N, C-alpha and C. Protein backbone atom coordinates (compact mmCIF):
# COMPACT_ATOMS: atom_id res chain seq x y z
N MET A 1 181.18 108.78 100.69
CA MET A 1 179.75 109.00 100.55
C MET A 1 179.44 110.43 100.99
N VAL A 2 178.80 111.30 100.36
CA VAL A 2 178.37 112.65 100.80
C VAL A 2 176.96 112.72 101.22
N LEU A 3 176.73 113.15 102.37
CA LEU A 3 175.28 113.15 102.51
C LEU A 3 174.65 114.60 102.09
N SER A 4 173.46 114.47 101.38
CA SER A 4 172.94 115.64 100.67
C SER A 4 171.63 115.90 101.33
N LEU A 5 171.60 116.99 101.85
CA LEU A 5 170.40 117.33 102.56
C LEU A 5 169.64 118.35 101.65
N PRO A 6 168.18 118.41 101.80
CA PRO A 6 167.68 119.50 101.11
C PRO A 6 167.96 121.00 101.63
N TYR A 7 167.63 121.93 100.95
CA TYR A 7 168.27 123.28 101.22
C TYR A 7 168.05 123.85 102.76
N GLY A 8 166.69 123.55 103.15
CA GLY A 8 166.63 124.02 104.45
C GLY A 8 167.10 123.30 105.37
N LEU A 9 167.46 122.06 105.40
CA LEU A 9 168.00 121.25 106.30
C LEU A 9 169.47 121.37 106.43
N THR A 10 170.03 121.78 105.21
CA THR A 10 171.44 122.20 105.36
C THR A 10 171.56 123.38 106.07
N VAL A 11 170.72 124.49 105.94
CA VAL A 11 170.87 125.74 106.70
C VAL A 11 170.82 125.47 108.11
N ILE A 12 169.86 124.54 108.53
CA ILE A 12 169.88 124.16 110.08
C ILE A 12 170.91 123.59 110.52
N LYS A 13 171.62 122.59 109.76
CA LYS A 13 172.77 121.73 109.99
C LYS A 13 173.90 122.77 110.37
N TYR A 14 174.05 123.90 109.53
CA TYR A 14 175.18 124.85 109.68
C TYR A 14 175.05 125.66 110.92
N LEU A 15 173.73 126.22 111.19
CA LEU A 15 173.60 126.94 112.32
C LEU A 15 173.63 126.23 113.44
N LEU A 16 173.39 124.88 113.43
CA LEU A 16 173.59 123.92 114.85
C LEU A 16 174.93 123.76 114.96
N GLU A 17 175.65 123.57 114.01
CA GLU A 17 177.16 123.52 114.32
C GLU A 17 177.76 124.66 114.87
N GLY A 18 177.25 125.93 114.46
CA GLY A 18 177.77 126.97 115.22
C GLY A 18 177.33 127.20 116.52
N VAL A 19 175.97 126.97 116.76
CA VAL A 19 175.52 127.12 118.04
C VAL A 19 176.17 126.27 119.20
N GLY A 20 176.90 125.10 118.85
CA GLY A 20 177.35 124.27 119.86
C GLY A 20 178.36 125.13 120.75
N PRO A 21 179.30 125.69 120.20
CA PRO A 21 180.22 126.52 121.14
C PRO A 21 179.41 127.63 122.07
N LEU A 22 178.50 128.26 121.40
CA LEU A 22 177.64 129.02 122.26
C LEU A 22 176.91 128.33 123.37
N ILE A 23 176.30 127.12 123.07
CA ILE A 23 175.54 126.52 124.14
C ILE A 23 176.62 126.02 125.21
N GLY A 24 177.68 125.61 124.81
CA GLY A 24 178.76 125.23 125.64
C GLY A 24 179.30 126.53 126.64
N ALA A 25 179.50 127.83 126.11
CA ALA A 25 179.75 128.66 126.84
C ALA A 25 178.66 129.22 127.73
N VAL A 26 177.53 129.22 127.31
CA VAL A 26 176.29 129.57 128.19
C VAL A 26 176.23 128.64 129.33
N THR A 27 176.35 127.28 128.98
CA THR A 27 176.30 126.32 130.08
C THR A 27 177.34 126.43 131.15
N ILE A 28 178.56 126.70 130.73
CA ILE A 28 179.75 127.08 131.72
C ILE A 28 179.35 128.32 132.57
N PHE A 29 179.03 129.35 131.82
CA PHE A 29 178.69 130.46 132.48
C PHE A 29 177.72 130.36 133.45
N THR A 30 176.64 129.48 133.12
CA THR A 30 175.43 129.33 134.01
C THR A 30 175.98 128.47 135.41
N LEU A 31 176.76 127.34 134.96
CA LEU A 31 176.96 126.14 136.13
C LEU A 31 178.15 126.99 136.93
N LEU A 32 178.95 127.57 136.62
CA LEU A 32 180.08 128.11 137.22
C LEU A 32 179.84 129.63 137.75
N LYS A 33 178.46 130.12 137.32
CA LYS A 33 178.28 131.53 137.83
C LYS A 33 179.06 132.59 137.35
N LYS A 34 179.78 132.44 136.32
CA LYS A 34 180.67 133.32 135.83
C LYS A 34 180.12 134.46 134.97
N LYS A 35 180.85 135.56 134.80
CA LYS A 35 180.57 136.61 133.90
C LYS A 35 181.64 136.85 133.01
N SER A 36 181.27 137.13 131.66
CA SER A 36 182.42 137.39 130.55
C SER A 36 182.52 138.76 130.52
N SER A 37 183.93 138.99 130.38
CA SER A 37 184.26 140.62 130.27
C SER A 37 184.24 140.82 128.78
N ILE A 38 183.93 139.84 127.81
CA ILE A 38 183.64 140.24 126.25
C ILE A 38 182.30 140.39 126.24
N THR A 39 181.85 141.54 125.30
CA THR A 39 180.68 141.91 125.05
C THR A 39 180.48 141.56 123.30
N ILE A 40 179.26 141.27 122.93
CA ILE A 40 179.06 140.84 121.55
C ILE A 40 179.42 142.19 120.59
N PHE A 41 179.50 143.35 120.98
CA PHE A 41 179.75 144.43 120.16
C PHE A 41 181.26 144.95 120.35
N GLY A 42 182.06 144.33 121.32
CA GLY A 42 183.33 144.82 121.50
C GLY A 42 183.44 146.30 121.99
N THR A 43 184.08 147.10 121.79
CA THR A 43 184.28 148.47 122.13
C THR A 43 183.50 149.45 121.24
N SER A 44 183.12 149.03 120.23
CA SER A 44 182.20 149.97 119.38
C SER A 44 180.98 149.32 118.77
N VAL A 45 179.76 149.54 119.08
CA VAL A 45 178.39 149.05 118.62
C VAL A 45 178.68 149.47 117.02
N LYS A 46 178.79 150.76 116.73
CA LYS A 46 178.83 151.02 115.30
C LYS A 46 179.65 150.45 114.41
N LYS A 47 181.06 150.31 114.65
CA LYS A 47 182.08 149.39 114.03
C LYS A 47 181.52 147.97 113.91
N SER A 48 180.97 147.38 114.81
CA SER A 48 180.50 146.10 114.93
C SER A 48 179.45 145.92 113.81
N ILE A 49 178.64 146.83 113.92
CA ILE A 49 177.29 146.76 112.80
C ILE A 49 177.97 146.75 111.47
N ILE A 50 178.63 147.92 111.37
CA ILE A 50 179.31 148.14 109.94
C ILE A 50 180.08 146.83 109.31
N MET A 51 180.77 146.29 110.29
CA MET A 51 181.51 145.03 110.01
C MET A 51 180.60 143.88 109.49
N ILE A 52 179.80 143.80 110.19
CA ILE A 52 178.86 142.50 110.03
C ILE A 52 177.85 142.90 108.71
N SER A 53 177.70 144.19 108.53
CA SER A 53 176.88 144.55 107.22
C SER A 53 177.52 144.49 105.97
N ILE A 54 178.73 144.73 106.13
CA ILE A 54 179.77 144.68 104.72
C ILE A 54 179.47 143.33 103.98
N PRO A 55 179.80 142.14 104.49
CA PRO A 55 179.54 140.95 103.76
C PRO A 55 178.12 140.69 103.40
N ILE A 56 177.03 141.15 103.96
CA ILE A 56 175.68 140.91 103.71
C ILE A 56 175.51 141.81 102.76
N ILE A 57 175.88 142.92 102.47
CA ILE A 57 175.61 143.90 101.50
C ILE A 57 176.39 143.53 100.15
N LEU A 58 177.70 143.06 100.28
CA LEU A 58 178.47 142.75 99.11
C LEU A 58 177.78 141.33 98.48
N PHE A 59 177.54 140.39 99.43
CA PHE A 59 177.13 139.18 98.76
C PHE A 59 175.66 139.49 98.14
N SER A 60 174.88 140.38 98.72
CA SER A 60 173.47 140.53 98.12
C SER A 60 173.67 141.46 96.84
N ALA A 61 174.49 142.38 96.86
CA ALA A 61 174.65 143.12 95.46
C ALA A 61 175.41 142.26 94.50
N PHE A 62 176.31 141.56 94.61
CA PHE A 62 176.85 140.69 93.66
C PHE A 62 176.26 139.45 93.19
N GLY A 63 175.58 138.88 94.45
CA GLY A 63 174.99 137.65 94.08
C GLY A 63 175.82 136.28 94.25
N ILE A 64 175.41 135.31 94.48
CA ILE A 64 175.85 134.11 94.35
C ILE A 64 175.12 133.03 93.37
N ASP A 65 175.94 132.54 92.35
CA ASP A 65 175.22 131.63 91.36
C ASP A 65 174.89 130.29 92.22
N ASN A 66 173.72 129.76 91.81
CA ASN A 66 173.50 128.48 92.50
C ASN A 66 172.45 127.69 91.52
N ASN A 67 172.61 126.45 91.94
CA ASN A 67 171.79 125.56 91.14
C ASN A 67 170.36 125.13 91.67
N LEU A 68 169.98 125.93 92.61
CA LEU A 68 168.68 125.74 93.20
C LEU A 68 167.61 126.65 92.57
N ASN A 69 168.05 127.28 91.60
CA ASN A 69 166.83 128.04 90.93
C ASN A 69 166.47 129.34 91.67
N LEU A 70 167.35 129.88 92.50
CA LEU A 70 166.86 130.94 93.41
C LEU A 70 167.53 132.22 92.74
N ASN A 71 167.10 133.30 92.86
CA ASN A 71 167.56 134.59 92.53
C ASN A 71 169.12 134.61 93.02
N SER A 72 169.99 135.11 92.17
CA SER A 72 171.57 134.99 92.98
C SER A 72 171.64 136.06 94.02
N HIS A 73 171.07 137.10 93.78
CA HIS A 73 171.17 138.16 94.91
C HIS A 73 170.35 137.72 96.25
N TYR A 74 169.13 137.21 96.03
CA TYR A 74 168.62 136.61 97.16
C TYR A 74 169.38 135.58 97.83
N TYR A 75 169.87 134.68 97.08
CA TYR A 75 170.58 133.64 97.60
C TYR A 75 171.93 134.14 98.23
N GLY A 76 172.69 135.15 97.70
CA GLY A 76 173.78 135.83 98.19
C GLY A 76 173.35 136.42 99.67
N PHE A 77 172.31 137.06 99.83
CA PHE A 77 171.69 137.68 101.00
C PHE A 77 171.75 136.38 102.20
N VAL A 78 170.83 135.29 101.68
CA VAL A 78 170.56 134.38 102.59
C VAL A 78 171.93 133.56 103.11
N ILE A 79 172.87 133.26 102.13
CA ILE A 79 174.04 132.74 102.60
C ILE A 79 175.05 133.64 103.54
N SER A 80 175.07 134.83 103.14
CA SER A 80 175.69 135.76 104.01
C SER A 80 175.19 135.87 105.43
N VAL A 81 173.90 135.91 105.40
CA VAL A 81 173.18 136.02 106.68
C VAL A 81 173.38 134.63 107.73
N ILE A 82 173.34 133.67 106.86
CA ILE A 82 173.97 132.34 107.67
C ILE A 82 175.16 132.32 108.09
N ILE A 83 176.11 132.71 107.21
CA ILE A 83 177.46 132.58 107.54
C ILE A 83 177.77 133.67 108.65
N SER A 84 177.20 134.86 108.74
CA SER A 84 177.28 135.86 109.87
C SER A 84 176.74 135.39 111.04
N THR A 85 175.75 134.64 110.96
CA THR A 85 175.27 134.03 112.25
C THR A 85 175.99 132.98 112.78
N TYR A 86 176.48 132.09 111.96
CA TYR A 86 177.30 131.13 112.25
C TYR A 86 178.51 131.64 113.18
N CYS A 87 179.16 132.85 112.42
CA CYS A 87 180.36 133.45 113.02
C CYS A 87 180.13 133.99 114.39
N ILE A 88 178.85 134.66 114.47
CA ILE A 88 178.49 135.32 115.62
C ILE A 88 178.43 134.18 116.84
N PHE A 89 177.91 133.13 116.54
CA PHE A 89 177.53 132.03 117.57
C PHE A 89 179.00 131.58 117.85
N GLU A 90 179.90 131.31 117.05
CA GLU A 90 181.21 130.69 117.36
C GLU A 90 181.86 131.72 118.08
N GLU A 91 181.87 133.03 117.69
CA GLU A 91 182.77 134.08 118.65
C GLU A 91 182.26 134.21 119.78
N ILE A 92 180.88 134.22 120.09
CA ILE A 92 180.38 134.18 121.47
C ILE A 92 180.89 133.11 122.40
N GLY A 93 180.80 131.88 121.61
CA GLY A 93 181.22 130.48 122.32
C GLY A 93 182.66 130.66 122.67
N TRP A 94 183.58 130.64 121.65
CA TRP A 94 184.97 130.53 121.78
C TRP A 94 185.65 131.77 122.47
N ARG A 95 185.49 132.96 121.93
CA ARG A 95 185.90 134.28 122.55
C ARG A 95 185.30 134.44 124.07
N GLY A 96 184.01 134.24 123.94
CA GLY A 96 183.23 134.83 125.17
C GLY A 96 183.68 134.10 126.45
N TYR A 97 183.97 132.72 126.25
CA TYR A 97 184.56 132.00 127.33
C TYR A 97 185.99 131.87 127.20
N LEU A 98 186.55 131.38 126.39
CA LEU A 98 188.14 131.25 126.30
C LEU A 98 188.99 132.19 126.43
N GLN A 99 188.63 133.46 125.96
CA GLN A 99 189.56 134.49 126.09
C GLN A 99 189.53 134.84 127.49
N ASP A 100 188.38 134.85 128.29
CA ASP A 100 188.65 135.09 129.69
C ASP A 100 189.35 134.27 130.50
N GLU A 101 189.28 132.97 130.21
CA GLU A 101 189.85 131.62 130.85
C GLU A 101 191.62 131.73 130.55
N LEU A 102 191.84 132.16 129.22
CA LEU A 102 193.32 132.06 128.76
C LEU A 102 194.13 133.24 129.09
N LYS A 103 193.35 134.46 129.43
CA LYS A 103 194.15 135.50 129.51
C LYS A 103 195.18 135.44 130.74
N GLU A 104 194.81 134.75 131.87
CA GLU A 104 195.78 134.26 132.95
C GLU A 104 197.22 133.83 132.31
N LEU A 105 196.79 133.00 131.28
CA LEU A 105 198.16 132.18 130.65
C LEU A 105 199.16 133.47 130.04
N ASN A 106 198.42 134.43 129.53
CA ASN A 106 199.21 135.26 128.87
C ASN A 106 200.29 135.96 129.85
N SER A 107 199.89 136.24 131.01
CA SER A 107 200.69 136.88 131.99
C SER A 107 201.78 135.84 132.52
N ALA A 108 201.64 134.60 132.14
CA ALA A 108 202.55 133.48 132.73
C ALA A 108 203.69 133.60 131.89
N PHE A 109 203.56 133.84 130.74
CA PHE A 109 204.61 133.75 129.42
C PHE A 109 205.24 135.16 129.31
């Protein structure tokens, strides 16, 4: 059985799935009073903004067909922003915490 949610609730569901690792990382940083060496923009703010803009621009320009009777270009924009936000949340959660924790293992091998 597949659970079908109205459009708005499906978006919230996906964003909540992505925010889980972010909440975990923030909780660990707060409880253990740690600082992350990883930043959200990496070594280049300009390159980071360009890379996050590319899928949003392409999905908006080409559009995504849908059965919600929404404009395909608008729908492409919305989906690309949701996917990008999800990815940012996941990256902050996993990379922001785990990369610092696991870098000590790299020197062991």
